[in-house]
Amino acid sequence: MTEAEKSFQDKAKGILRAEIKRRNLDFGDLAEKLTAMGIPENARNLSNKIARGGFSAGFFVACLIAIGCHTVRVHEAD
């Protein structure tokens, strides 16, 4: 993996963690919401998957939808 790829992976991980925290949720809450959407997960697996940062774009979008996130800022102004 290149340094650029690692940087974007870290960015996705940070965005997801921040959006979960912003809504005062934890991985258990996210697991319940994903499971209700037909994506069975548990808190421990989510914690590991998000910590690694190597999740798919589909997983990222499913998590954002599950927590009710409608917009995401992916780039801060310079």
PDB file of N, CA and C in Angstrom:
ATOM      1  N   MET A   1       0.849  -1.173   0.000  1.00  0.00           N
ATOM      2  CA  MET A   1       0.000   0.000   0.000  1.00  0.00           C
ATOM      3  C   MET A   1       0.898   1.241   0.000  1.00  0.00           C
ATOM      4  N   THR A   2       0.548   2.183  -0.837  1.00  0.00           N
ATOM      5  CA  THR A   2       1.342   3.412  -0.907  1.00  0.00           C
ATOM      6  C   THR A   2       0.995   4.318   0.272  1.00  0.00           C
ATOM      7  N   GLU A   3       1.847   5.299   0.484  1.00  0.00           N
ATOM      8  CA  GLU A   3       1.614   6.270   1.559  1.00  0.00           C
ATOM      9  C   GLU A   3       0.321   7.053   1.295  1.00  0.00           C
ATOM     10  N   ALA A   4       0.051   7.367   0.034  1.00  0.00           N
ATOM     11  CA  ALA A   4      -1.176   8.088  -0.319  1.00  0.00           C
ATOM     12  C   ALA A   4      -2.412   7.250   0.001  1.00  0.00           C
ATOM     13  N   GLU A   5      -2.373   5.957  -0.346  1.00  0.00           N
ATOM     14  CA  GLU A   5      -3.507   5.072  -0.046  1.00  0.00           C
ATOM     15  C   GLU A   5      -3.734   4.982   1.460  1.00  0.00           C
ATOM     16  N   LYS A   6      -2.663   4.862   2.216  1.00  0.00           N
ATOM     17  CA  LYS A   6      -2.758   4.790   3.679  1.00  0.00           C
ATOM     18  C   LYS A   6      -3.370   6.072   4.228  1.00  0.00           C
ATOM     19  N   SER A   7      -2.989   7.200   3.659  1.00  0.00           N
ATOM     20  CA  SER A   7      -3.516   8.481   4.096  1.00  0.00           C
ATOM     21  C   SER A   7      -5.031   8.562   3.889  1.00  0.00           C
ATOM     22  N   PHE A   8      -5.504   8.107   2.732  1.00  0.00           N
ATOM     23  CA  PHE A   8      -6.947   8.128   2.461  1.00  0.00           C
ATOM     24  C   PHE A   8      -7.691   7.119   3.329  1.00  0.00           C
ATOM     25  N   GLN A   9      -7.075   5.993   3.597  1.00  0.00           N
ATOM     26  CA  GLN A   9      -7.671   4.995   4.478  1.00  0.00           C
ATOM     27  C   GLN A   9      -7.828   5.587   5.885  1.00  0.00           C
ATOM     28  N   ASP A  10      -6.799   6.268   6.353  1.00  0.00           N
ATOM     29  CA  ASP A  10      -6.863   6.918   7.664  1.00  0.00           C
ATOM     30  C   ASP A  10      -7.934   8.000   7.693  1.00  0.00           C
ATOM     31  N   LYS A  11      -8.085   8.720   6.599  1.00  0.00           N
ATOM     32  CA  LYS A  11      -9.100   9.771   6.505  1.00  0.00           C
ATOM     33  C   LYS A  11     -10.505   9.172   6.617  1.00  0.00           C
ATOM     34  N   ALA A  12     -10.761   8.073   5.908  1.00  0.00           N
ATOM     35  CA  ALA A  12     -12.069   7.416   5.965  1.00  0.00           C
ATOM     36  C   ALA A  12     -12.356   6.918   7.379  1.00  0.00           C
ATOM     37  N   LYS A  13     -11.365   6.325   8.004  1.00  0.00           N
ATOM     38  CA  LYS A  13     -11.506   5.829   9.377  1.00  0.00           C
ATOM     39  C   LYS A  13     -11.824   6.991  10.320  1.00  0.00           C
ATOM     40  N   GLY A  14     -11.120   8.097  10.174  1.00  0.00           N
ATOM     41  CA  GLY A  14     -11.346   9.256  11.030  1.00  0.00           C
ATOM     42  C   GLY A  14     -12.718   9.872  10.835  1.00  0.00           C
ATOM     43  N   ILE A  15     -13.145   9.960   9.593  1.00  0.00           N
ATOM     44  CA  ILE A  15     -14.478  10.511   9.299  1.00  0.00           C
ATOM     45  C   ILE A  15     -15.546   9.658   9.961  1.00  0.00           C
ATOM     46  N   LEU A  16     -15.454   8.341   9.792  1.00  0.00           N
ATOM     47  CA  LEU A  16     -16.467   7.453  10.350  1.00  0.00           C
ATOM     48  C   LEU A  16     -16.491   7.540  11.870  1.00  0.00           C
ATOM     49  N   ARG A  17     -15.338   7.504  12.498  1.00  0.00           N
ATOM     50  CA  ARG A  17     -15.282   7.615  13.963  1.00  0.00           C
ATOM     51  C   ARG A  17     -15.865   8.942  14.444  1.00  0.00           C
ATOM     52  N   ALA A  18     -15.535  10.033  13.752  1.00  0.00           N
ATOM     53  CA  ALA A  18     -16.020  11.352  14.153  1.00  0.00           C
ATOM     54  C   ALA A  18     -17.537  11.445  14.029  1.00  0.00           C
ATOM     55  N   GLU A  19     -18.086  10.901  12.961  1.00  0.00           N
ATOM     56  CA  GLU A  19     -19.541  10.960  12.769  1.00  0.00           C
ATOM     57  C   GLU A  19     -20.277  10.112  13.803  1.00  0.00           C
ATOM     58  N   ILE A  20     -19.699   8.989  14.179  1.00  0.00           N
ATOM     59  CA  ILE A  20     -20.298   8.148  15.235  1.00  0.00           C
ATOM     60  C   ILE A  20     -20.278   8.917  16.549  1.00  0.00           C
ATOM     61  N   LYS A  21     -19.136   9.489  16.883  1.00  0.00           N
ATOM     62  CA  LYS A  21     -18.988  10.230  18.136  1.00  0.00           C
ATOM     63  C   LYS A  21     -19.887  11.461  18.162  1.00  0.00           C
ATOM     64  N   ARG A  22     -19.980  12.167  17.037  1.00  0.00           N
ATOM     65  CA  ARG A  22     -20.800  13.378  16.941  1.00  0.00           C
ATOM     66  C   ARG A  22     -22.257  13.099  17.314  1.00  0.00           C
ATOM     67  N   ARG A  23     -22.689  11.885  17.087  1.00  0.00           N
ATOM     68  CA  ARG A  23     -24.077  11.511  17.384  1.00  0.00           C
ATOM     69  C   ARG A  23     -24.211  10.805  18.728  1.00  0.00           C
ATOM     70  N   ASN A  24     -23.145  10.839  19.520  1.00  0.00           N
ATOM     71  CA  ASN A  24     -23.130  10.192  20.835  1.00  0.00           C
ATOM     72  C   ASN A  24     -23.490   8.712  20.766  1.00  0.00           C
ATOM     73  N   LEU A  25     -22.964   8.045  19.747  1.00  0.00           N
ATOM     74  CA  LEU A  25     -23.188   6.610  19.564  1.00  0.00           C
ATOM     75  C   LEU A  25     -21.892   5.869  19.847  1.00  0.00           C
ATOM     76  N   ASP A  26     -22.010   4.558  19.981  1.00  0.00           N
ATOM     77  CA  ASP A  26     -20.822   3.721  20.106  1.00  0.00           C
ATOM     78  C   ASP A  26     -20.943   2.575  19.108  1.00  0.00           C
ATOM     79  N   PHE A  27     -19.952   1.689  19.111  1.00  0.00           N
ATOM     80  CA  PHE A  27     -19.962   0.598  18.140  1.00  0.00           C
ATOM     81  C   PHE A  27     -21.134  -0.357  18.367  1.00  0.00           C
ATOM     82  N   GLY A  28     -21.580  -0.489  19.591  1.00  0.00           N
ATOM     83  CA  GLY A  28     -22.761  -1.315  19.871  1.00  0.00           C
ATOM     84  C   GLY A  28     -24.004  -0.745  19.207  1.00  0.00           C
ATOM     85  N   ASP A  29     -24.157   0.570  19.299  1.00  0.00           N
ATOM     86  CA  ASP A  29     -25.293   1.233  18.643  1.00  0.00           C
ATOM     87  C   ASP A  29     -25.222   1.048  17.135  1.00  0.00           C
ATOM     88  N   LEU A  30     -24.021   1.230  16.578  1.00  0.00           N
ATOM     89  CA  LEU A  30     -23.857   1.064  15.132  1.00  0.00           C
ATOM     90  C   LEU A  30     -24.161  -0.371  14.723  1.00  0.00           C
ATOM     91  N   ALA A  31     -23.708  -1.326  15.515  1.00  0.00           N
ATOM     92  CA  ALA A  31     -23.973  -2.744  15.211  1.00  0.00           C
ATOM     93  C   ALA A  31     -25.474  -3.011  15.157  1.00  0.00           C
ATOM     94  N   GLU A  32     -26.213  -2.477  16.109  1.00  0.00           N
ATOM     95  CA  GLU A  32     -27.672  -2.661  16.127  1.00  0.00           C
ATOM     96  C   GLU A  32     -28.320  -2.060  14.886  1.00  0.00           C
ATOM     97  N   LYS A  33     -27.884  -0.871  14.523  1.00  0.00           N
ATOM     98  CA  LYS A  33     -28.475  -0.194  13.369  1.00  0.00           C
ATOM     99  C   LYS A  33     -28.143  -0.912  12.061  1.00  0.00           C
ATOM    100  N   LEU A  34     -26.902  -1.379  11.927  1.00  0.00           N
ATOM    101  CA  LEU A  34     -26.533  -2.123  10.720  1.00  0.00           C
ATOM    102  C   LEU A  34     -27.295  -3.446  10.650  1.00  0.00           C
ATOM    103  N   THR A  35     -27.416  -4.128  11.765  1.00  0.00           N
ATOM    104  CA  THR A  35     -28.135  -5.402  11.795  1.00  0.00           C
ATOM    105  C   THR A  35     -29.589  -5.190  11.392  1.00  0.00           C
ATOM    106  N   ALA A  36     -30.188  -4.101  11.860  1.00  0.00           N
ATOM    107  CA  ALA A  36     -31.574  -3.787  11.487  1.00  0.00           C
ATOM    108  C   ALA A  36     -31.710  -3.518   9.995  1.00  0.00           C
ATOM    109  N   MET A  37     -30.610  -3.076   9.362  1.00  0.00           N
ATOM    110  CA  MET A  37     -30.605  -2.820   7.917  1.00  0.00           C
ATOM    111  C   MET A  37     -30.289  -4.086   7.119  1.00  0.00           C
ATOM    112  N   GLY A  38     -30.084  -5.212   7.805  1.00  0.00           N
ATOM    113  CA  GLY A  38     -29.772  -6.458   7.112  1.00  0.00           C
ATOM    114  C   GLY A  38     -28.285  -6.711   6.959  1.00  0.00           C
ATOM    115  N   ILE A  39     -27.455  -5.978   7.712  1.00  0.00           N
ATOM    116  CA  ILE A  39     -26.009  -6.156   7.675  1.00  0.00           C
ATOM    117  C   ILE A  39     -25.580  -6.580   9.076  1.00  0.00           C
ATOM    118  N   PRO A  40     -25.598  -7.871   9.359  1.00  0.00           N
ATOM    119  CA  PRO A  40     -25.302  -8.327  10.716  1.00  0.00           C
ATOM    120  C   PRO A  40     -23.855  -8.048  11.121  1.00  0.00           C
ATOM    121  N   GLU A  41     -23.695  -7.336  12.210  1.00  0.00           N
ATOM    122  CA  GLU A  41     -22.383  -6.987  12.759  1.00  0.00           C
ATOM    123  C   GLU A  41     -22.485  -7.021  14.276  1.00  0.00           C
ATOM    124  N   ASN A  42     -21.344  -7.086  14.940  1.00  0.00           N
ATOM    125  CA  ASN A  42     -21.330  -6.897  16.385  1.00  0.00           C
ATOM    126  C   ASN A  42     -20.296  -5.828  16.715  1.00  0.00           C
ATOM    127  N   ALA A  43     -20.375  -5.300  17.926  1.00  0.00           N
ATOM    128  CA  ALA A  43     -19.534  -4.170  18.315  1.00  0.00           C
ATOM    129  C   ALA A  43     -18.049  -4.488  18.185  1.00  0.00           C
ATOM    130  N   ARG A  44     -17.639  -5.665  18.590  1.00  0.00           N
ATOM    131  CA  ARG A  44     -16.214  -6.016  18.542  1.00  0.00           C
ATOM    132  C   ARG A  44     -15.700  -6.057  17.103  1.00  0.00           C
ATOM    133  N   ASN A  45     -16.474  -6.696  16.212  1.00  0.00           N
ATOM    134  CA  ASN A  45     -16.069  -6.759  14.804  1.00  0.00           C
ATOM    135  C   ASN A  45     -15.988  -5.361  14.187  1.00  0.00           C
ATOM    136  N   LEU A  46     -16.954  -4.515  14.523  1.00  0.00           N
ATOM    137  CA  LEU A  46     -16.938  -3.150  13.995  1.00  0.00           C
ATOM    138  C   LEU A  46     -15.719  -2.387  14.493  1.00  0.00           C
ATOM    139  N   SER A  47     -15.432  -2.519  15.766  1.00  0.00           N
ATOM    140  CA  SER A  47     -14.266  -1.846  16.334  1.00  0.00           C
ATOM    141  C   SER A  47     -12.990  -2.256  15.605  1.00  0.00           C
ATOM    142  N   ASN A  48     -12.823  -3.541  15.378  1.00  0.00           N
ATOM    143  CA  ASN A  48     -11.637  -4.053  14.682  1.00  0.00           C
ATOM    144  C   ASN A  48     -11.594  -3.590  13.226  1.00  0.00           C
ATOM    145  N   LYS A  49     -12.733  -3.692  12.546  1.00  0.00           N
ATOM    146  CA  LYS A  49     -12.793  -3.329  11.132  1.00  0.00           C
ATOM    147  C   LYS A  49     -12.480  -1.844  10.933  1.00  0.00           C
ATOM    148  N   ILE A  50     -13.050  -1.011  11.779  1.00  0.00           N
ATOM    149  CA  ILE A  50     -12.834   0.428  11.643  1.00  0.00           C
ATOM    150  C   ILE A  50     -11.411   0.792  12.064  1.00  0.00           C
ATOM    151  N   ALA A  51     -10.876   0.144  13.071  1.00  0.00           N
ATOM    152  CA  ALA A  51      -9.493   0.406  13.497  1.00  0.00           C
ATOM    153  C   ALA A  51      -8.500   0.073  12.383  1.00  0.00           C
ATOM    154  N   ARG A  52      -8.750  -1.004  11.655  1.00  0.00           N
ATOM    155  CA  ARG A  52      -7.877  -1.368  10.535  1.00  0.00           C
ATOM    156  C   ARG A  52      -8.006  -0.365   9.400  1.00  0.00           C
ATOM    157  N   GLY A  53      -9.207   0.148   9.189  1.00  0.00           N
ATOM    158  CA  GLY A  53      -9.429   1.131   8.143  1.00  0.00           C
ATOM    159  C   GLY A  53      -9.559   0.548   6.754  1.00  0.00           C
ATOM    160  N   GLY A  54      -9.473  -0.747   6.610  1.00  0.00           N
ATOM    161  CA  GLY A  54      -9.499  -1.363   5.290  1.00  0.00           C
ATOM    162  C   GLY A  54     -10.877  -1.812   4.856  1.00  0.00           C
ATOM    163  N   PHE A  55     -11.880  -1.020   5.119  1.00  0.00           N
ATOM    164  CA  PHE A  55     -13.252  -1.399   4.775  1.00  0.00           C
ATOM    165  C   PHE A  55     -13.627  -0.853   3.397  1.00  0.00           C
ATOM    166  N   SER A  56     -14.679  -1.414   2.839  1.00  0.00           N
ATOM    167  CA  SER A  56     -15.113  -1.021   1.502  1.00  0.00           C
ATOM    168  C   SER A  56     -15.893   0.292   1.542  1.00  0.00           C
ATOM    169  N   ALA A  57     -16.014   0.897   0.385  1.00  0.00           N
ATOM    170  CA  ALA A  57     -16.824   2.105   0.256  1.00  0.00           C
ATOM    171  C   ALA A  57     -18.281   1.798   0.599  1.00  0.00           C
ATOM    172  N   GLY A  58     -18.741   0.615   0.218  1.00  0.00           N
ATOM    173  CA  GLY A  58     -20.112   0.216   0.531  1.00  0.00           C
ATOM    174  C   GLY A  58     -20.351   0.147   2.031  1.00  0.00           C
ATOM    175  N   PHE A  59     -19.391  -0.406   2.766  1.00  0.00           N
ATOM    176  CA  PHE A  59     -19.494  -0.480   4.227  1.00  0.00           C
ATOM    177  C   PHE A  59     -19.512   0.936   4.817  1.00  0.00           C
ATOM    178  N   PHE A  60     -18.642   1.794   4.315  1.00  0.00           N
ATOM    179  CA  PHE A  60     -18.567   3.177   4.777  1.00  0.00           C
ATOM    180  C   PHE A  60     -19.920   3.873   4.601  1.00  0.00           C
ATOM    181  N   VAL A  61     -20.505   3.758   3.425  1.00  0.00           N
ATOM    182  CA  VAL A  61     -21.800   4.396   3.147  1.00  0.00           C
ATOM    183  C   VAL A  61     -22.901   3.786   4.006  1.00  0.00           C
ATOM    184  N   ALA A  62     -22.908   2.464   4.163  1.00  0.00           N
ATOM    185  CA  ALA A  62     -23.922   1.806   4.999  1.00  0.00           C
ATOM    186  C   ALA A  62     -23.846   2.327   6.432  1.00  0.00           C
ATOM    187  N   CYS A  63     -22.644   2.485   6.958  1.00  0.00           N
ATOM    188  CA  CYS A  63     -22.481   2.997   8.325  1.00  0.00           C
ATOM    189  C   CYS A  63     -23.018   4.420   8.433  1.00  0.00           C
ATOM    190  N   LEU A  64     -22.689   5.262   7.463  1.00  0.00           N
ATOM    191  CA  LEU A  64     -23.163   6.643   7.497  1.00  0.00           C
ATOM    192  C   LEU A  64     -24.685   6.706   7.430  1.00  0.00           C
ATOM    193  N   ILE A  65     -25.281   5.895   6.591  1.00  0.00           N
ATOM    194  CA  ILE A  65     -26.746   5.855   6.504  1.00  0.00           C
ATOM    195  C   ILE A  65     -27.337   5.348   7.808  1.00  0.00           C
ATOM    196  N   ALA A  66     -26.734   4.315   8.376  1.00  0.00           N
ATOM    197  CA  ALA A  66     -27.241   3.718   9.615  1.00  0.00           C
ATOM    198  C   ALA A  66     -27.283   4.736  10.757  1.00  0.00           C
ATOM    199  N   ILE A  67     -26.289   5.604  10.822  1.00  0.00           N
ATOM    200  CA  ILE A  67     -26.248   6.575  11.923  1.00  0.00           C
ATOM    201  C   ILE A  67     -26.973   7.873  11.591  1.00  0.00           C
ATOM    202  N   GLY A  68     -27.520   7.970  10.393  1.00  0.00           N
ATOM    203  CA  GLY A  68     -28.299   9.146  10.010  1.00  0.00           C
ATOM    204  C   GLY A  68     -27.458  10.308   9.524  1.00  0.00           C
ATOM    205  N   CYS A  69     -26.297  10.020   9.003  1.00  0.00           N
ATOM    206  CA  CYS A  69     -25.410  11.061   8.478  1.00  0.00           C
ATOM    207  C   CYS A  69     -25.786  11.333   7.020  1.00  0.00           C
ATOM    208  N   HIS A  70     -26.121  12.589   6.730  1.00  0.00           N
ATOM    209  CA  HIS A  70     -26.558  12.950   5.382  1.00  0.00           C
ATOM    210  C   HIS A  70     -25.486  13.665   4.572  1.00  0.00           C
ATOM    211  N   THR A  71     -24.560  14.299   5.259  1.00  0.00           N
ATOM    212  CA  THR A  71     -23.462  14.986   4.573  1.00  0.00           C
ATOM    213  C   THR A  71     -22.162  14.733   5.322  1.00  0.00           C
ATOM    214  N   VAL A  72     -21.069  14.740   4.569  1.00  0.00           N
ATOM    215  CA  VAL A  72     -19.751  14.512   5.152  1.00  0.00           C
ATOM    216  C   VAL A  72     -18.774  15.489   4.520  1.00  0.00           C
ATOM    217  N   ARG A  73     -17.992  16.149   5.349  1.00  0.00           N
ATOM    218  CA  ARG A  73     -16.922  17.016   4.838  1.00  0.00           C
ATOM    219  C   ARG A  73     -15.676  16.152   4.731  1.00  0.00           C
ATOM    220  N   VAL A  74     -15.162  16.013   3.509  1.00  0.00           N
ATOM    221  CA  VAL A  74     -14.008  15.149   3.300  1.00  0.00           C
ATOM    222  C   VAL A  74     -12.714  15.928   3.107  1.00  0.00           C
ATOM    223  N   HIS A  75     -12.817  17.246   2.952  1.00  0.00           N
ATOM    224  CA  HIS A  75     -11.607  18.043   2.734  1.00  0.00           C
ATOM    225  C   HIS A  75     -11.775  19.382   3.419  1.00  0.00           C
ATOM    226  N   GLU A  76     -10.843  19.693   4.280  1.00  0.00           N
ATOM    227  CA  GLU A  76     -10.862  20.991   4.955  1.00  0.00           C
ATOM    228  C   GLU A  76     -10.266  22.033   4.011  1.00  0.00           C
ATOM    229  N   ALA A  77     -10.773  23.243   4.093  1.00  0.00           N
ATOM    230  CA  ALA A  77     -10.236  24.339   3.273  1.00  0.00           C
ATOM    231  C   ALA A  77      -8.803  24.623   3.700  1.00  0.00           C
ATOM    232  N   ASP A  78      -7.970  24.916   2.732  1.00  0.00           N
ATOM    233  CA  ASP A  78      -6.557  25.201   3.033  1.00  0.00           C
ATOM    234  C   ASP A  78      -6.356  26.598   3.524  1.00  0.00           C
TER     235      ASP A  78
END
